[in-house]
PDB file of all heavy atoms in Angstrom:
ATOM      1  N   ALA A   1      81.115  32.407  51.246  1.00  0.00           N
ATOM      2  CA  ALA A   1      79.941  31.732  51.061  1.00  0.00           C
ATOM      3  C   ALA A   1      79.056  32.238  49.903  1.00  0.00           C
ATOM      4  O   ALA A   1      78.403  31.568  49.109  1.00  0.00           O
ATOM      5  CB  ALA A   1      79.046  31.730  52.298  1.00  0.00           C
ATOM      6  N   GLY A   2      79.148  33.598  49.768  1.00  0.00           N
ATOM      7  CA  GLY A   2      78.384  34.215  48.680  1.00  0.00           C
ATOM      8  C   GLY A   2      78.913  35.519  48.353  1.00  0.00           C
ATOM      9  O   GLY A   2      78.797  36.498  49.007  1.00  0.00           O
ATOM     10  N   ALA A   3      79.732  35.522  47.250  1.00  0.00           N
ATOM     11  CA  ALA A   3      80.581  36.721  46.870  1.00  0.00           C
ATOM     12  C   ALA A   3      79.596  37.905  46.526  1.00  0.00           C
ATOM     13  O   ALA A   3      79.952  39.028  46.899  1.00  0.00           O
ATOM     14  CB  ALA A   3      81.418  36.371  45.655  1.00  0.00           C
ATOM     15  N   ALA A   4      78.605  37.595  45.876  1.00  0.00           N
ATOM     16  CA  ALA A   4      77.663  38.777  45.503  1.00  0.00           C
ATOM     17  C   ALA A   4      77.040  39.426  46.729  1.00  0.00           C
ATOM     18  O   ALA A   4      77.032  40.621  46.875  1.00  0.00           O
ATOM     19  CB  ALA A   4      76.559  38.306  44.633  1.00  0.00           C
ATOM     20  N   SER A   5      76.593  38.622  47.700  1.00  0.00           N
ATOM     21  CA  SER A   5      76.018  39.223  48.903  1.00  0.00           C
ATOM     22  C   SER A   5      77.049  39.966  49.683  1.00  0.00           C
ATOM     23  O   SER A   5      76.715  41.036  50.215  1.00  0.00           O
ATOM     24  CB  SER A   5      75.434  38.053  49.807  1.00  0.00           C
ATOM     25  OG  SER A   5      74.433  37.303  49.090  1.00  0.00           O
ATOM     26  N   MET A   6      78.302  39.393  49.820  1.00  0.00           N
ATOM     27  CA  MET A   6      79.216  40.141  50.567  1.00  0.00           C
ATOM     28  C   MET A   6      79.620  41.409  49.955  1.00  0.00           C
ATOM     29  O   MET A   6      79.877  42.517  50.538  1.00  0.00           O
ATOM     30  CB  MET A   6      80.492  39.190  50.696  1.00  0.00           C
ATOM     31  CG  MET A   6      81.598  39.874  51.424  1.00  0.00           C
ATOM     32  SD  MET A   6      81.066  40.495  53.096  1.00  0.00           S
ATOM     33  CE  MET A   6      82.343  41.837  53.299  1.00  0.00           C
ATOM     34  N   ARG A   7      79.767  41.459  48.580  1.00  0.00           N
ATOM     35  CA  ARG A   7      80.075  42.690  47.794  1.00  0.00           C
ATOM     36  C   ARG A   7      79.044  43.699  48.250  1.00  0.00           C
ATOM     37  O   ARG A   7      79.458  44.924  48.388  1.00  0.00           O
ATOM     38  CB  ARG A   7      80.111  42.324  46.444  1.00  0.00           C
ATOM     39  CG  ARG A   7      80.583  43.505  45.489  1.00  0.00           C
ATOM     40  CD  ARG A   7      81.874  44.093  46.108  1.00  0.00           C
ATOM     41  NE  ARG A   7      82.346  45.216  45.297  1.00  0.00           N
ATOM     42  CZ  ARG A   7      83.337  45.203  44.587  1.00  0.00           C
ATOM     43  NH1 ARG A   7      84.086  44.099  44.539  1.00  0.00           N
ATOM     44  NH2 ARG A   7      83.736  46.212  43.782  1.00  0.00           N
ATOM     45  N   ALA A   8      77.892  43.394  48.226  1.00  0.00           N
ATOM     46  CA  ALA A   8      76.777  44.366  48.568  1.00  0.00           C
ATOM     47  C   ALA A   8      76.999  44.815  49.984  1.00  0.00           C
ATOM     48  O   ALA A   8      76.874  45.984  50.206  1.00  0.00           O
ATOM     49  CB  ALA A   8      75.415  43.716  48.458  1.00  0.00           C
ATOM     50  N   ALA A   9      77.390  43.993  50.866  1.00  0.00           N
ATOM     51  CA  ALA A   9      77.557  44.407  52.293  1.00  0.00           C
ATOM     52  C   ALA A   9      78.649  45.360  52.448  1.00  0.00           C
ATOM     53  O   ALA A   9      78.548  46.414  53.136  1.00  0.00           O
ATOM     54  CB  ALA A   9      77.919  43.134  53.186  1.00  0.00           C
ATOM     55  N   ILE A  10      79.784  45.112  51.646  1.00  0.00           N
ATOM     56  CA  ILE A  10      80.904  46.063  51.768  1.00  0.00           C
ATOM     57  C   ILE A  10      80.463  47.400  51.118  1.00  0.00           C
ATOM     58  O   ILE A  10      80.712  48.425  51.628  1.00  0.00           O
ATOM     59  CB  ILE A  10      82.125  45.524  51.024  1.00  0.00           C
ATOM     60  CG1 ILE A  10      82.779  44.466  51.959  1.00  0.00           C
ATOM     61  CG2 ILE A  10      83.163  46.649  50.786  1.00  0.00           C
ATOM     62  CD1 ILE A  10      84.041  43.896  51.302  1.00  0.00           C
ATOM     63  N   SER A  11      79.754  47.427  50.014  1.00  0.00           N
ATOM     64  CA  SER A  11      79.354  48.569  49.358  1.00  0.00           C
ATOM     65  C   SER A  11      78.511  49.456  50.173  1.00  0.00           C
ATOM     66  O   SER A  11      78.603  50.649  50.308  1.00  0.00           O
ATOM     67  CB  SER A  11      78.625  48.135  48.012  1.00  0.00           C
ATOM     68  OG  SER A  11      79.479  47.468  47.124  1.00  0.00           O
ATOM     69  N   VAL A  12      77.492  48.820  50.867  1.00  0.00           N
ATOM     70  CA  VAL A  12      76.555  49.454  51.736  1.00  0.00           C
ATOM     71  C   VAL A  12      77.505  50.129  52.932  1.00  0.00           C
ATOM     72  O   VAL A  12      77.198  51.247  53.305  1.00  0.00           O
ATOM     73  CB  VAL A  12      75.456  48.634  52.256  1.00  0.00           C
ATOM     74  CG1 VAL A  12      74.687  49.275  53.334  1.00  0.00           C
ATOM     75  CG2 VAL A  12      74.604  48.219  51.082  1.00  0.00           C
ATOM     76  N   ALA A  13      78.321  49.339  53.429  1.00  0.00           N
ATOM     77  CA  ALA A  13      78.981  49.756  54.646  1.00  0.00           C
ATOM     78  C   ALA A  13      79.821  51.007  54.464  1.00  0.00           C
ATOM     79  O   ALA A  13      80.010  51.821  55.337  1.00  0.00           O
ATOM     80  CB  ALA A  13      79.893  48.660  55.218  1.00  0.00           C
ATOM     81  N   SER A  14      80.258  51.143  53.199  1.00  0.00           N
ATOM     82  CA  SER A  14      81.275  52.376  52.971  1.00  0.00           C
ATOM     83  C   SER A  14      80.720  53.202  51.869  1.00  0.00           C
ATOM     84  O   SER A  14      81.522  53.947  51.312  1.00  0.00           O
ATOM     85  CB  SER A  14      82.649  51.661  52.593  1.00  0.00           C
ATOM     86  OG  SER A  14      82.523  50.974  51.513  1.00  0.00           O
ATOM     87  N   PHE A  15      79.399  53.080  51.533  1.00  0.00           N
ATOM     88  CA  PHE A  15      78.949  53.877  50.376  1.00  0.00           C
ATOM     89  C   PHE A  15      79.142  55.429  50.545  1.00  0.00           C
ATOM     90  O   PHE A  15      79.547  56.033  49.563  1.00  0.00           O
ATOM     91  CB  PHE A  15      77.435  53.561  50.140  1.00  0.00           C
ATOM     92  CG  PHE A  15      76.777  54.345  49.164  1.00  0.00           C
ATOM     93  CD1 PHE A  15      77.098  54.069  47.795  1.00  0.00           C
ATOM     94  CD2 PHE A  15      76.042  55.577  49.303  1.00  0.00           C
ATOM     95  CE1 PHE A  15      76.451  54.789  46.690  1.00  0.00           C
ATOM     96  CE2 PHE A  15      75.487  56.283  48.298  1.00  0.00           C
ATOM     97  CZ  PHE A  15      75.784  55.959  47.026  1.00  0.00           C
ATOM     98  N   ALA A  16      78.729  55.871  51.731  1.00  0.00           N
ATOM     99  CA  ALA A  16      78.774  57.349  51.940  1.00  0.00           C
ATOM    100  C   ALA A  16      80.302  57.850  51.744  1.00  0.00           C
ATOM    101  O   ALA A  16      80.624  58.862  51.026  1.00  0.00           O
ATOM    102  CB  ALA A  16      78.286  57.704  53.239  1.00  0.00           C
ATOM    103  N   GLY A  17      81.254  57.074  52.354  1.00  0.00           N
ATOM    104  CA  GLY A  17      82.620  57.583  52.259  1.00  0.00           C
ATOM    105  C   GLY A  17      83.148  57.501  50.972  1.00  0.00           C
ATOM    106  O   GLY A  17      83.927  58.281  50.480  1.00  0.00           O
ATOM    107  N   ARG A  18      82.813  56.361  50.160  1.00  0.00           N
ATOM    108  CA  ARG A  18      83.427  56.147  48.858  1.00  0.00           C
ATOM    109  C   ARG A  18      82.746  57.190  47.964  1.00  0.00           C
ATOM    110  O   ARG A  18      83.425  57.658  47.075  1.00  0.00           O
ATOM    111  CB  ARG A  18      82.990  54.746  48.362  1.00  0.00           C
ATOM    112  CG  ARG A  18      83.877  53.608  48.983  1.00  0.00           C
ATOM    113  CD  ARG A  18      83.564  52.324  48.419  1.00  0.00           C
ATOM    114  NE  ARG A  18      84.523  51.363  48.902  1.00  0.00           N
ATOM    115  CZ  ARG A  18      84.388  50.013  48.783  1.00  0.00           C
ATOM    116  NH1 ARG A  18      83.383  49.612  48.144  1.00  0.00           N
ATOM    117  NH2 ARG A  18      85.321  49.256  49.125  1.00  0.00           N
ATOM    118  N   LYS A  19      81.626  57.506  48.125  1.00  0.00           N
ATOM    119  CA  LYS A  19      80.933  58.583  47.236  1.00  0.00           C
ATOM    120  C   LYS A  19      81.712  59.956  47.329  1.00  0.00           C
ATOM    121  O   LYS A  19      82.004  60.534  46.329  1.00  0.00           O
ATOM    122  CB  LYS A  19      79.431  58.764  47.618  1.00  0.00           C
ATOM    123  CG  LYS A  19      78.683  59.830  46.775  1.00  0.00           C
ATOM    124  CD  LYS A  19      77.277  59.849  47.162  1.00  0.00           C
ATOM    125  CE  LYS A  19      76.539  60.922  46.229  1.00  0.00           C
ATOM    126  NZ  LYS A  19      75.145  61.103  46.575  1.00  0.00           N
ATOM    127  N   TYR A  20      82.065  60.199  48.538  1.00  0.00           N
ATOM    128  CA  TYR A  20      82.955  61.395  48.828  1.00  0.00           C
ATOM    129  C   TYR A  20      84.339  61.261  48.106  1.00  0.00           C
ATOM    130  O   TYR A  20      84.731  62.157  47.463  1.00  0.00           O
ATOM    131  CB  TYR A  20      83.178  61.523  50.283  1.00  0.00           C
ATOM    132  CG  TYR A  20      84.206  62.705  50.643  1.00  0.00           C
ATOM    133  CD1 TYR A  20      83.898  63.900  50.544  1.00  0.00           C
ATOM    134  CD2 TYR A  20      85.393  62.255  51.073  1.00  0.00           C
ATOM    135  CE1 TYR A  20      84.845  64.963  50.828  1.00  0.00           C
ATOM    136  CE2 TYR A  20      86.300  63.273  51.303  1.00  0.00           C
ATOM    137  CZ  TYR A  20      85.965  64.514  51.248  1.00  0.00           C
ATOM    138  OH  TYR A  20      87.012  65.568  51.478  1.00  0.00           O
ATOM    139  N   GLN A  21      84.920  60.101  48.266  1.00  0.00           N
ATOM    140  CA  GLN A  21      86.245  59.794  47.727  1.00  0.00           C
ATOM    141  C   GLN A  21      86.156  59.837  46.174  1.00  0.00           C
ATOM    142  O   GLN A  21      87.067  60.415  45.534  1.00  0.00           O
ATOM    143  CB  GLN A  21      86.935  58.605  48.170  1.00  0.00           C
ATOM    144  CG  GLN A  21      87.129  58.389  49.612  1.00  0.00           C
ATOM    145  CD  GLN A  21      88.023  59.541  50.128  1.00  0.00           C
ATOM    146  OE1 GLN A  21      88.783  59.971  49.259  1.00  0.00           O
ATOM    147  NE2 GLN A  21      88.131  59.871  51.414  1.00  0.00           N
ATOM    148  N   PHE A  22      85.111  59.233  45.594  1.00  0.00           N
ATOM    149  CA  PHE A  22      85.100  59.122  44.120  1.00  0.00           C
ATOM    150  C   PHE A  22      84.910  60.537  43.473  1.00  0.00           C
ATOM    151  O   PHE A  22      85.283  60.854  42.436  1.00  0.00           O
ATOM    152  CB  PHE A  22      83.958  58.381  43.674  1.00  0.00           C
ATOM    153  CG  PHE A  22      84.023  56.816  44.044  1.00  0.00           C
ATOM    154  CD1 PHE A  22      82.909  56.066  44.038  1.00  0.00           C
ATOM    155  CD2 PHE A  22      85.275  56.309  44.317  1.00  0.00           C
ATOM    156  CE1 PHE A  22      83.068  54.703  44.378  1.00  0.00           C
ATOM    157  CE2 PHE A  22      85.462  54.876  44.560  1.00  0.00           C
ATOM    158  CZ  PHE A  22      84.359  54.208  44.645  1.00  0.00           C
ATOM    159  N   ALA A  23      84.301  61.566  44.306  1.00  0.00           N
ATOM    160  CA  ALA A  23      84.056  62.797  43.732  1.00  0.00           C
ATOM    161  C   ALA A  23      85.384  63.509  43.527  1.00  0.00           C
ATOM    162  O   ALA A  23      85.494  64.486  42.619  1.00  0.00           O
ATOM    163  CB  ALA A  23      83.212  63.621  44.812  1.00  0.00           C
ATOM    164  N   ARG A  24      86.422  63.089  44.086  1.00  0.00           N
ATOM    165  CA  ARG A  24      87.823  63.820  43.975  1.00  0.00           C
ATOM    166  C   ARG A  24      88.750  62.930  43.227  1.00  0.00           C
ATOM    167  O   ARG A  24      89.993  63.148  43.237  1.00  0.00           O
ATOM    168  CB  ARG A  24      88.375  64.246  45.371  1.00  0.00           C
ATOM    169  CG  ARG A  24      88.546  63.198  46.296  1.00  0.00           C
ATOM    170  CD  ARG A  24      88.940  63.827  47.639  1.00  0.00           C
ATOM    171  NE  ARG A  24      89.190  62.842  48.658  1.00  0.00           N
ATOM    172  CZ  ARG A  24      90.364  62.393  49.000  1.00  0.00           C
ATOM    173  NH1 ARG A  24      91.420  62.793  48.325  1.00  0.00           N
ATOM    174  NH2 ARG A  24      90.463  61.479  49.966  1.00  0.00           N
TER     175      ARG A  24
END
């Protein structure tokens, strides 16, 4: 229904974990 909104939802849901993964 709204790609931009959903993208934000996924980003928020996994932000902390992804930040950790991106560091390595």
